[in-house]
Amino acid sequence: MSLEPGSLDPHLEMVLAVRKDPTPVLLAFYSGGMKPAQGQAHLKAFLEAASSAGFSKQIVLDHATEEPFRKCSKWDEYLDELQKQVEAPEFHSRSVVIFAHSHGCLAAYGLAKRLGKRLVKLYVAARRPPNLALLDEVWGVLSGSAVAALSDQALLEGLLDSWRNTFLAPLRGKADLPPVAKKVCATVREQYATPCAPGGSADLAVALGSDSEAKVAAPIMAIACSKELEKGETAAKMEGWQSLAGADFELRTVNADHMDCLTPDENGKTPELITLVVEDMKKLRSSDSG
């Protein structure tokens, strides 16, 4: 007996499709200082490699300062909205893998806790764990609300002292920044000042929740870059993700810097980080389908 397409209940059709292809949905979060189009572009090589490996169902999730999250005024509200996107009808019956880079790791962690056993694995690249304050070291402030008051020059100094940026580096110490640099500073200020991104020592309780809520149920792979600055996301800091892993934990280090770790070189060679993560994701796909 054969059935015509569309003759089944839509939910049943979805369940059958998931059984046919049980590959987890890939959720990706991009770095801070980027708007959605820039974030998509920065993740492009990774997303293409993941798709070629069978992870064709992908969602790139934006920072709390982008639509449809702008209405959120609290960390939990932002996570609620992220969770809604993952529970859309075409995704909500599927398991999930999360990959996040830099500032995106904070939101990825919050969502990962919400997903519970539905999450297969969390990959975090180039960002200290949320139980280790970032704002204190980078800008000398205890809470995101204090970032809003920083001048462009102070914001830029903190950025360059923590994460190399070839575009912004020549502007260090300049009293008058060009419009494009001011735009970058405005984006960074907004992303780190929002109460939906708790990153200072005064915000740790918000980010982590209670002790019993702090851990992610799934395994975590943390990937550090060997060329990070001392104030940046060093391997020693990233080792802290182990205390938040409810299952296996692995720390890997790649020969790259904070921002170029996802960018193919001038010859188009795939970055070491992308190869490392995608090869590990392939194992998840084969075990899930087995």
C-alpha atoms as a PDB file:
ATOM      1  CA  MET A   1       0.000   0.000   0.000  1.00  0.00           C
ATOM      2  CA  SER A   2       1.359   3.405  -0.947  1.00  0.00           C
ATOM      3  CA  LEU A   3       0.274   6.772   0.297  1.00  0.00           C
ATOM      4  CA  GLU A   4       0.222   9.997  -1.627  1.00  0.00           C
ATOM      5  CA  PRO A   5       2.443  12.799  -0.256  1.00  0.00           C
ATOM      6  CA  GLY A   6       0.461  14.930   2.158  1.00  0.00           C
ATOM      7  CA  SER A   7      -2.060  12.200   2.943  1.00  0.00           C
ATOM      8  CA  LEU A   8      -0.591  11.568   6.407  1.00  0.00           C
ATOM      9  CA  ASP A   9      -1.112  13.670   9.485  1.00  0.00           C
ATOM     10  CA  PRO A  10       1.608  16.400   9.395  1.00  0.00           C
ATOM     11  CA  HIS A  11       2.950  15.354  12.813  1.00  0.00           C
ATOM     12  CA  LEU A  12       3.206  11.727  11.748  1.00  0.00           C
ATOM     13  CA  GLU A  13       4.991  12.751   8.566  1.00  0.00           C
ATOM     14  CA  MET A  14       7.496  14.667  10.683  1.00  0.00           C
ATOM     15  CA  VAL A  15       8.054  11.687  13.020  1.00  0.00           C
ATOM     16  CA  LEU A  16       8.654   9.380  10.065  1.00  0.00           C
ATOM     17  CA  ALA A  17      11.103  11.868   8.556  1.00  0.00           C
ATOM     18  CA  VAL A  18      13.049  12.007  11.827  1.00  0.00           C
ATOM     19  CA  ARG A  19      13.199   8.211  11.979  1.00  0.00           C
ATOM     20  CA  LYS A  20      14.501   8.142   8.417  1.00  0.00           C
ATOM     21  CA  ASP A  21      17.204  10.692   9.251  1.00  0.00           C
ATOM     22  CA  PRO A  22      17.972  10.781  12.998  1.00  0.00           C
ATOM     23  CA  THR A  23      20.923  13.156  12.563  1.00  0.00           C
ATOM     24  CA  PRO A  24      20.830  15.852  15.275  1.00  0.00           C
ATOM     25  CA  VAL A  25      19.940  19.426  14.394  1.00  0.00           C
ATOM     26  CA  LEU A  26      23.002  21.688  14.510  1.00  0.00           C
ATOM     27  CA  LEU A  27      22.617  24.930  16.448  1.00  0.00           C
ATOM     28  CA  ALA A  28      25.362  27.525  15.987  1.00  0.00           C
ATOM     29  CA  PHE A  29      26.181  30.749  17.827  1.00  0.00           C
ATOM     30  CA  TYR A  30      28.636  33.308  16.422  1.00  0.00           C
ATOM     31  CA  SER A  31      31.106  35.687  18.036  1.00  0.00           C
ATOM     32  CA  GLY A  32      30.421  39.007  19.691  1.00  0.00           C
ATOM     33  CA  GLY A  33      30.951  42.265  17.811  1.00  0.00           C
ATOM     34  CA  MET A  34      29.038  40.875  14.825  1.00  0.00           C
ATOM     35  CA  LYS A  35      25.596  41.467  13.418  1.00  0.00           C
ATOM     36  CA  PRO A  36      23.657  38.484  12.004  1.00  0.00           C
ATOM     37  CA  ALA A  37      24.955  38.732   8.434  1.00  0.00           C
ATOM     38  CA  GLN A  38      28.539  39.004   9.677  1.00  0.00           C
ATOM     39  CA  GLY A  39      28.027  36.098  12.046  1.00  0.00           C
ATOM     40  CA  GLN A  40      26.610  33.925   9.273  1.00  0.00           C
ATOM     41  CA  ALA A  41      29.597  34.784   7.084  1.00  0.00           C
ATOM     42  CA  HIS A  42      32.085  34.000   9.860  1.00  0.00           C
ATOM     43  CA  LEU A  43      30.465  30.599  10.419  1.00  0.00           C
ATOM     44  CA  LYS A  44      30.118  29.826   6.701  1.00  0.00           C
ATOM     45  CA  ALA A  45      33.080  27.441   6.358  1.00  0.00           C
ATOM     46  CA  PHE A  46      32.057  25.547   9.474  1.00  0.00           C
ATOM     47  CA  LEU A  47      28.408  25.270   8.468  1.00  0.00           C
ATOM     48  CA  GLU A  48      29.328  24.059   4.976  1.00  0.00           C
ATOM     49  CA  ALA A  49      31.674  21.417   6.383  1.00  0.00           C
ATOM     50  CA  ALA A  50      29.019  20.284   8.857  1.00  0.00           C
ATOM     51  CA  SER A  51      26.419  20.075   6.081  1.00  0.00           C
ATOM     52  CA  SER A  52      28.761  17.950   3.968  1.00  0.00           C
ATOM     53  CA  ALA A  53      29.119  15.639   6.968  1.00  0.00           C
ATOM     54  CA  GLY A  54      25.355  15.133   7.077  1.00  0.00           C
ATOM     55  CA  PHE A  55      24.314  17.914   9.469  1.00  0.00           C
ATOM     56  CA  SER A  56      22.130  19.716   6.953  1.00  0.00           C
ATOM     57  CA  LYS A  57      19.486  20.796   9.488  1.00  0.00           C
ATOM     58  CA  GLN A  58      21.040  23.956  10.911  1.00  0.00           C
ATOM     59  CA  ILE A  59      19.909  26.973  12.917  1.00  0.00           C
ATOM     60  CA  VAL A  60      22.158  29.994  13.486  1.00  0.00           C
ATOM     61  CA  LEU A  61      20.956  31.776  16.606  1.00  0.00           C
ATOM     62  CA  ASP A  62      21.540  35.474  17.180  1.00  0.00           C
ATOM     63  CA  HIS A  63      22.611  37.564  20.137  1.00  0.00           C
ATOM     64  CA  ALA A  64      20.021  38.983  22.517  1.00  0.00           C
ATOM     65  CA  THR A  65      20.355  42.414  20.927  1.00  0.00           C
ATOM     66  CA  GLU A  66      18.914  41.179  17.613  1.00  0.00           C
ATOM     67  CA  GLU A  67      15.355  40.442  16.554  1.00  0.00           C
ATOM     68  CA  PRO A  68      13.293  38.650  17.757  1.00  0.00           C
ATOM     69  CA  PHE A  69      15.049  38.932  21.118  1.00  0.00           C
ATOM     70  CA  ARG A  70      15.148  42.698  21.615  1.00  0.00           C
ATOM     71  CA  LYS A  71      12.020  42.598  23.743  1.00  0.00           C
ATOM     72  CA  CYS A  72      13.841  40.418  26.298  1.00  0.00           C
ATOM     73  CA  SER A  73      15.026  42.225  29.416  1.00  0.00           C
ATOM     74  CA  LYS A  74      16.266  39.227  31.412  1.00  0.00           C
ATOM     75  CA  TRP A  75      18.569  36.252  30.827  1.00  0.00           C
ATOM     76  CA  ASP A  76      15.751  33.744  31.308  1.00  0.00           C
ATOM     77  CA  GLU A  77      13.517  35.596  28.852  1.00  0.00           C
ATOM     78  CA  TYR A  78      16.226  35.408  26.190  1.00  0.00           C
ATOM     79  CA  LEU A  79      16.681  31.693  26.823  1.00  0.00           C
ATOM     80  CA  ASP A  80      12.913  31.211  26.581  1.00  0.00           C
ATOM     81  CA  GLU A  81      12.949  32.750  23.107  1.00  0.00           C
ATOM     82  CA  LEU A  82      15.960  30.701  22.011  1.00  0.00           C
ATOM     83  CA  GLN A  83      14.225  27.551  23.187  1.00  0.00           C
ATOM     84  CA  LYS A  84      11.103  28.427  21.187  1.00  0.00           C
ATOM     85  CA  GLN A  85      13.143  28.473  17.994  1.00  0.00           C
ATOM     86  CA  VAL A  86      14.544  25.023  18.686  1.00  0.00           C
ATOM     87  CA  GLU A  87      11.066  23.710  19.442  1.00  0.00           C
ATOM     88  CA  ALA A  88       9.596  24.781  16.097  1.00  0.00           C
ATOM     89  CA  PRO A  89       7.564  21.911  14.573  1.00  0.00           C
ATOM     90  CA  GLU A  90      10.274  20.904  12.108  1.00  0.00           C
ATOM     91  CA  PHE A  91      12.882  20.599  14.875  1.00  0.00           C
ATOM     92  CA  HIS A  92      11.252  19.749  18.204  1.00  0.00           C
ATOM     93  CA  SER A  93      11.346  15.952  17.805  1.00  0.00           C
ATOM     94  CA  ARG A  94      15.051  15.906  16.967  1.00  0.00           C
ATOM     95  CA  SER A  95      18.144  15.683  19.122  1.00  0.00           C
ATOM     96  CA  VAL A  96      20.526  18.650  19.060  1.00  0.00           C
ATOM     97  CA  VAL A  97      24.225  19.448  18.780  1.00  0.00           C
ATOM     98  CA  ILE A  98      25.445  22.950  19.667  1.00  0.00           C
ATOM     99  CA  PHE A  99      28.555  24.726  18.382  1.00  0.00           C
ATOM    100  CA  ALA A 100      29.450  28.191  19.653  1.00  0.00           C
ATOM    101  CA  HIS A 101      32.340  30.593  19.200  1.00  0.00           C
ATOM    102  CA  SER A 102      33.514  33.294  21.605  1.00  0.00           C
ATOM    103  CA  HIS A 103      30.694  35.443  23.056  1.00  0.00           C
ATOM    104  CA  GLY A 104      28.156  33.054  21.546  1.00  0.00           C
ATOM    105  CA  CYS A 105      29.237  30.390  24.042  1.00  0.00           C
ATOM    106  CA  LEU A 106      27.402  32.169  26.858  1.00  0.00           C
ATOM    107  CA  ALA A 107      23.976  31.865  25.227  1.00  0.00           C
ATOM    108  CA  ALA A 108      24.880  28.370  24.004  1.00  0.00           C
ATOM    109  CA  TYR A 109      25.515  27.304  27.594  1.00  0.00           C
ATOM    110  CA  GLY A 110      22.205  28.698  28.823  1.00  0.00           C
ATOM    111  CA  LEU A 111      20.268  26.970  26.052  1.00  0.00           C
ATOM    112  CA  ALA A 112      22.222  23.741  26.499  1.00  0.00           C
ATOM    113  CA  LYS A 113      20.992  23.496  30.085  1.00  0.00           C
ATOM    114  CA  ARG A 114      17.415  24.008  28.938  1.00  0.00           C
ATOM    115  CA  LEU A 115      17.620  21.196  26.375  1.00  0.00           C
ATOM    116  CA  GLY A 116      18.581  18.532  28.909  1.00  0.00           C
ATOM    117  CA  LYS A 117      18.955  15.038  27.443  1.00  0.00           C
ATOM    118  CA  ARG A 118      17.862  16.268  24.039  1.00  0.00           C
ATOM    119  CA  LEU A 119      21.350  17.761  23.683  1.00  0.00           C
ATOM    120  CA  VAL A 120      23.885  15.272  22.323  1.00  0.00           C
ATOM    121  CA  LYS A 121      27.019  17.421  22.706  1.00  0.00           C
ATOM    122  CA  LEU A 122      28.131  21.001  23.309  1.00  0.00           C
ATOM    123  CA  TYR A 123      31.164  22.414  21.480  1.00  0.00           C
ATOM    124  CA  VAL A 124      32.538  25.688  22.853  1.00  0.00           C
ATOM    125  CA  ALA A 125      35.381  27.488  21.090  1.00  0.00           C
ATOM    126  CA  ALA A 126      37.493  30.376  22.378  1.00  0.00           C
ATOM    127  CA  ARG A 127      35.444  31.459  25.391  1.00  0.00           C
ATOM    128  CA  ARG A 128      36.032  30.938  29.106  1.00  0.00           C
ATOM    129  CA  PRO A 129      33.197  29.210  31.006  1.00  0.00           C
ATOM    130  CA  PRO A 130      30.380  31.323  32.440  1.00  0.00           C
ATOM    131  CA  ASN A 131      31.513  30.556  35.991  1.00  0.00           C
ATOM    132  CA  LEU A 132      34.676  32.581  35.298  1.00  0.00           C
ATOM    133  CA  ALA A 133      33.977  36.318  35.053  1.00  0.00           C
ATOM    134  CA  LEU A 134      34.942  37.907  31.740  1.00  0.00           C
ATOM    135  CA  LEU A 135      33.995  41.570  32.150  1.00  0.00           C
ATOM    136  CA  ASP A 136      36.152  42.027  35.244  1.00  0.00           C
ATOM    137  CA  GLU A 137      39.340  41.099  33.412  1.00  0.00           C
ATOM    138  CA  VAL A 138      38.575  42.647  30.022  1.00  0.00           C
ATOM    139  CA  TRP A 139      37.108  46.009  31.079  1.00  0.00           C
ATOM    140  CA  GLY A 140      37.510  46.146  34.839  1.00  0.00           C
ATOM    141  CA  VAL A 141      33.768  46.182  35.542  1.00  0.00           C
ATOM    142  CA  LEU A 142      31.684  43.762  37.597  1.00  0.00           C
ATOM    143  CA  SER A 143      28.467  43.733  35.604  1.00  0.00           C
ATOM    144  CA  GLY A 144      27.165  44.299  32.109  1.00  0.00           C
ATOM    145  CA  SER A 145      25.333  47.445  33.178  1.00  0.00           C
ATOM    146  CA  ALA A 146      28.722  49.121  33.715  1.00  0.00           C
ATOM    147  CA  VAL A 147      29.825  48.353  30.153  1.00  0.00           C
ATOM    148  CA  ALA A 148      27.188  50.760  28.863  1.00  0.00           C
ATOM    149  CA  ALA A 149      29.077  53.681  30.408  1.00  0.00           C
ATOM    150  CA  LEU A 150      32.448  52.865  28.825  1.00  0.00           C
ATOM    151  CA  SER A 151      33.786  55.257  26.203  1.00  0.00           C
ATOM    152  CA  ASP A 152      34.643  53.972  22.743  1.00  0.00           C
ATOM    153  CA  GLN A 153      38.336  54.334  23.566  1.00  0.00           C
ATOM    154  CA  ALA A 154      38.041  52.349  26.814  1.00  0.00           C
ATOM    155  CA  LEU A 155      35.967  49.704  25.081  1.00  0.00           C
ATOM    156  CA  LEU A 156      38.540  49.439  22.304  1.00  0.00           C
ATOM    157  CA  GLU A 157      41.451  49.153  24.727  1.00  0.00           C
ATOM    158  CA  GLY A 158      39.800  46.247  26.507  1.00  0.00           C
ATOM    159  CA  LEU A 159      39.038  44.497  23.237  1.00  0.00           C
ATOM    160  CA  LEU A 160      42.577  44.795  21.901  1.00  0.00           C
ATOM    161  CA  ASP A 161      44.170  43.777  25.208  1.00  0.00           C
ATOM    162  CA  SER A 162      42.114  40.580  25.216  1.00  0.00           C
ATOM    163  CA  TRP A 163      41.466  39.546  21.620  1.00  0.00           C
ATOM    164  CA  ARG A 164      43.626  40.500  18.642  1.00  0.00           C
ATOM    165  CA  ASN A 165      41.863  42.414  15.894  1.00  0.00           C
ATOM    166  CA  THR A 166      43.889  43.444  12.850  1.00  0.00           C
ATOM    167  CA  PHE A 167      41.270  45.961  11.721  1.00  0.00           C
ATOM    168  CA  LEU A 168      40.945  47.773  15.050  1.00  0.00           C
ATOM    169  CA  ALA A 169      44.567  47.543  16.227  1.00  0.00           C
ATOM    170  CA  PRO A 170      45.819  50.619  14.292  1.00  0.00           C
ATOM    171  CA  LEU A 171      43.122  52.693  16.018  1.00  0.00           C
ATOM    172  CA  ARG A 172      44.450  52.116  19.537  1.00  0.00           C
ATOM    173  CA  GLY A 173      44.891  55.440  21.327  1.00  0.00           C
ATOM    174  CA  LYS A 174      43.074  57.453  18.658  1.00  0.00           C
ATOM    175  CA  ALA A 175      40.885  60.180  20.124  1.00  0.00           C
ATOM    176  CA  ASP A 176      38.564  60.236  17.133  1.00  0.00           C
ATOM    177  CA  LEU A 177      37.542  56.872  15.727  1.00  0.00           C
ATOM    178  CA  PRO A 178      36.219  56.467  12.168  1.00  0.00           C
ATOM    179  CA  PRO A 179      32.469  55.765  11.809  1.00  0.00           C
ATOM    180  CA  VAL A 180      32.947  52.072  11.052  1.00  0.00           C
ATOM    181  CA  ALA A 181      34.972  51.605  14.262  1.00  0.00           C
ATOM    182  CA  LYS A 182      32.371  53.519  16.261  1.00  0.00           C
ATOM    183  CA  LYS A 183      29.752  51.170  14.848  1.00  0.00           C
ATOM    184  CA  VAL A 184      31.737  48.135  15.998  1.00  0.00           C
ATOM    185  CA  CYS A 185      32.106  49.654  19.468  1.00  0.00           C
ATOM    186  CA  ALA A 186      28.362  50.338  19.634  1.00  0.00           C
ATOM    187  CA  THR A 187      27.611  46.725  18.729  1.00  0.00           C
ATOM    188  CA  VAL A 188      30.053  45.366  21.314  1.00  0.00           C
ATOM    189  CA  ARG A 189      28.787  47.728  24.014  1.00  0.00           C
ATOM    190  CA  GLU A 190      25.201  46.708  23.386  1.00  0.00           C
ATOM    191  CA  GLN A 191      25.955  42.978  23.334  1.00  0.00           C
ATOM    192  CA  TYR A 192      27.965  42.970  26.554  1.00  0.00           C
ATOM    193  CA  ALA A 193      25.841  45.514  28.433  1.00  0.00           C
ATOM    194  CA  THR A 194      22.506  43.751  27.993  1.00  0.00           C
ATOM    195  CA  PRO A 195      21.157  41.962  31.087  1.00  0.00           C
ATOM    196  CA  CYS A 196      20.581  39.035  28.713  1.00  0.00           C
ATOM    197  CA  ALA A 197      24.350  38.375  28.654  1.00  0.00           C
ATOM    198  CA  PRO A 198      25.522  38.006  32.294  1.00  0.00           C
ATOM    199  CA  GLY A 199      29.318  38.079  32.068  1.00  0.00           C
ATOM    200  CA  GLY A 200      30.736  39.838  35.127  1.00  0.00           C
ATOM    201  CA  SER A 201      31.435  38.580  38.639  1.00  0.00           C
ATOM    202  CA  ALA A 202      28.262  40.284  39.887  1.00  0.00           C
ATOM    203  CA  ASP A 203      26.270  38.374  37.251  1.00  0.00           C
ATOM    204  CA  LEU A 204      27.567  34.847  37.848  1.00  0.00           C
ATOM    205  CA  ALA A 205      24.575  33.702  39.887  1.00  0.00           C
ATOM    206  CA  VAL A 206      22.263  34.789  37.066  1.00  0.00           C
ATOM    207  CA  ALA A 207      24.264  32.942  34.427  1.00  0.00           C
ATOM    208  CA  LEU A 208      24.709  29.729  36.404  1.00  0.00           C
ATOM    209  CA  GLY A 209      21.538  29.379  38.440  1.00  0.00           C
ATOM    210  CA  SER A 210      21.733  27.186  41.529  1.00  0.00           C
ATOM    211  CA  ASP A 211      24.527  24.653  41.989  1.00  0.00           C
ATOM    212  CA  SER A 212      22.188  21.874  40.935  1.00  0.00           C
ATOM    213  CA  GLU A 213      21.316  23.756  37.725  1.00  0.00           C
ATOM    214  CA  ALA A 214      24.823  24.752  36.651  1.00  0.00           C
ATOM    215  CA  LYS A 215      25.829  21.631  34.742  1.00  0.00           C
ATOM    216  CA  VAL A 216      24.998  20.747  31.149  1.00  0.00           C
ATOM    217  CA  ALA A 217      23.638  17.203  30.863  1.00  0.00           C
ATOM    218  CA  ALA A 218      25.634  16.411  27.713  1.00  0.00           C
ATOM    219  CA  PRO A 219      29.377  15.984  27.075  1.00  0.00           C
ATOM    220  CA  ILE A 220      31.361  19.154  26.387  1.00  0.00           C
ATOM    221  CA  MET A 221      34.305  19.634  24.054  1.00  0.00           C
ATOM    222  CA  ALA A 222      36.138  22.913  24.669  1.00  0.00           C
ATOM    223  CA  ILE A 223      38.510  24.159  21.971  1.00  0.00           C
ATOM    224  CA  ALA A 224      41.161  26.705  22.882  1.00  0.00           C
ATOM    225  CA  CYS A 225      43.365  28.666  20.489  1.00  0.00           C
ATOM    226  CA  SER A 226      47.119  28.556  21.128  1.00  0.00           C
ATOM    227  CA  LYS A 227      47.669  32.192  20.086  1.00  0.00           C
ATOM    228  CA  GLU A 228      45.245  33.779  22.547  1.00  0.00           C
ATOM    229  CA  LEU A 229      46.449  36.786  24.510  1.00  0.00           C
ATOM    230  CA  GLU A 230      46.961  36.416  28.266  1.00  0.00           C
ATOM    231  CA  LYS A 231      43.724  38.272  29.025  1.00  0.00           C
ATOM    232  CA  GLY A 232      41.904  36.274  26.388  1.00  0.00           C
ATOM    233  CA  GLU A 233      40.415  32.795  26.239  1.00  0.00           C
ATOM    234  CA  THR A 234      43.455  30.716  27.133  1.00  0.00           C
ATOM    235  CA  ALA A 235      43.431  26.943  27.498  1.00  0.00           C
ATOM    236  CA  ALA A 236      43.890  27.347  31.264  1.00  0.00           C
ATOM    237  CA  LYS A 237      40.657  29.314  31.467  1.00  0.00           C
ATOM    238  CA  MET A 238      38.786  26.982  29.148  1.00  0.00           C
ATOM    239  CA  GLU A 239      39.685  24.030  31.336  1.00  0.00           C
ATOM    240  CA  GLY A 240      37.008  25.453  33.648  1.00  0.00           C
ATOM    241  CA  TRP A 241      34.267  24.098  31.373  1.00  0.00           C
ATOM    242  CA  GLN A 242      34.952  20.688  32.903  1.00  0.00           C
ATOM    243  CA  SER A 243      33.146  21.681  36.102  1.00  0.00           C
ATOM    244  CA  LEU A 244      30.011  22.408  34.032  1.00  0.00           C
ATOM    245  CA  ALA A 245      29.975  19.150  32.098  1.00  0.00           C
ATOM    246  CA  GLY A 246      27.452  16.604  33.331  1.00  0.00           C
ATOM    247  CA  ALA A 247      29.089  13.913  31.189  1.00  0.00           C
ATOM    248  CA  ASP A 248      32.456  13.531  29.437  1.00  0.00           C
ATOM    249  CA  PHE A 249      34.726  16.537  28.986  1.00  0.00           C
ATOM    250  CA  GLU A 250      37.561  17.105  26.552  1.00  0.00           C
ATOM    251  CA  LEU A 251      39.815  20.119  26.086  1.00  0.00           C
ATOM    252  CA  ARG A 252      41.577  20.486  22.733  1.00  0.00           C
ATOM    253  CA  THR A 253      43.931  23.218  21.540  1.00  0.00           C
ATOM    254  CA  VAL A 254      44.323  24.330  17.925  1.00  0.00           C
ATOM    255  CA  ASN A 255      47.115  26.393  16.396  1.00  0.00           C
ATOM    256  CA  ALA A 256      45.146  29.547  15.723  1.00  0.00           C
ATOM    257  CA  ASP A 257      44.176  32.914  17.134  1.00  0.00           C
ATOM    258  CA  HIS A 258      40.870  33.989  18.607  1.00  0.00           C
ATOM    259  CA  MET A 259      39.157  35.287  15.463  1.00  0.00           C
ATOM    260  CA  ASP A 260      40.917  33.432  12.627  1.00  0.00           C
ATOM    261  CA  CYS A 261      40.215  29.965  14.010  1.00  0.00           C
ATOM    262  CA  LEU A 262      37.124  29.622  11.785  1.00  0.00           C
ATOM    263  CA  THR A 263      38.499  31.302   8.656  1.00  0.00           C
ATOM    264  CA  PRO A 264      40.111  29.343   5.791  1.00  0.00           C
ATOM    265  CA  ASP A 265      43.600  30.600   4.881  1.00  0.00           C
ATOM    266  CA  GLU A 266      44.508  32.355   1.630  1.00  0.00           C
ATOM    267  CA  ASN A 267      44.748  28.964  -0.074  1.00  0.00           C
ATOM    268  CA  GLY A 268      41.297  27.951   1.106  1.00  0.00           C
ATOM    269  CA  LYS A 269      42.615  25.377   3.578  1.00  0.00           C
ATOM    270  CA  THR A 270      40.013  24.325   6.144  1.00  0.00           C
ATOM    271  CA  PRO A 271      40.911  25.536   9.649  1.00  0.00           C
ATOM    272  CA  GLU A 272      42.087  22.935  12.137  1.00  0.00           C
ATOM    273  CA  LEU A 273      39.218  23.784  14.492  1.00  0.00           C
ATOM    274  CA  ILE A 274      36.576  23.047  11.862  1.00  0.00           C
ATOM    275  CA  THR A 275      38.154  19.710  10.952  1.00  0.00           C
ATOM    276  CA  LEU A 276      38.419  18.749  14.617  1.00  0.00           C
ATOM    277  CA  VAL A 277      34.802  19.532  15.458  1.00  0.00           C
ATOM    278  CA  VAL A 278      33.238  18.124  12.294  1.00  0.00           C
ATOM    279  CA  GLU A 279      35.164  14.847  12.576  1.00  0.00           C
ATOM    280  CA  ASP A 280      33.904  14.489  16.140  1.00  0.00           C
ATOM    281  CA  MET A 281      30.361  15.322  15.047  1.00  0.00           C
ATOM    282  CA  LYS A 282      30.522  12.528  12.472  1.00  0.00           C
ATOM    283  CA  LYS A 283      30.987  10.063  15.333  1.00  0.00           C
ATOM    284  CA  LEU A 284      27.823  11.378  16.960  1.00  0.00           C
ATOM    285  CA  ARG A 285      25.889  10.888  13.736  1.00  0.00           C
ATOM    286  CA  SER A 286      27.079   7.319  13.230  1.00  0.00           C
ATOM    287  CA  SER A 287      26.346   6.343  16.846  1.00  0.00           C
ATOM    288  CA  ASP A 288      22.925   8.000  16.709  1.00  0.00           C
ATOM    289  CA  SER A 289      21.926   6.195  13.508  1.00  0.00           C
ATOM    290  CA  GLY A 290      23.301   2.907  14.809  1.00  0.00           C
END
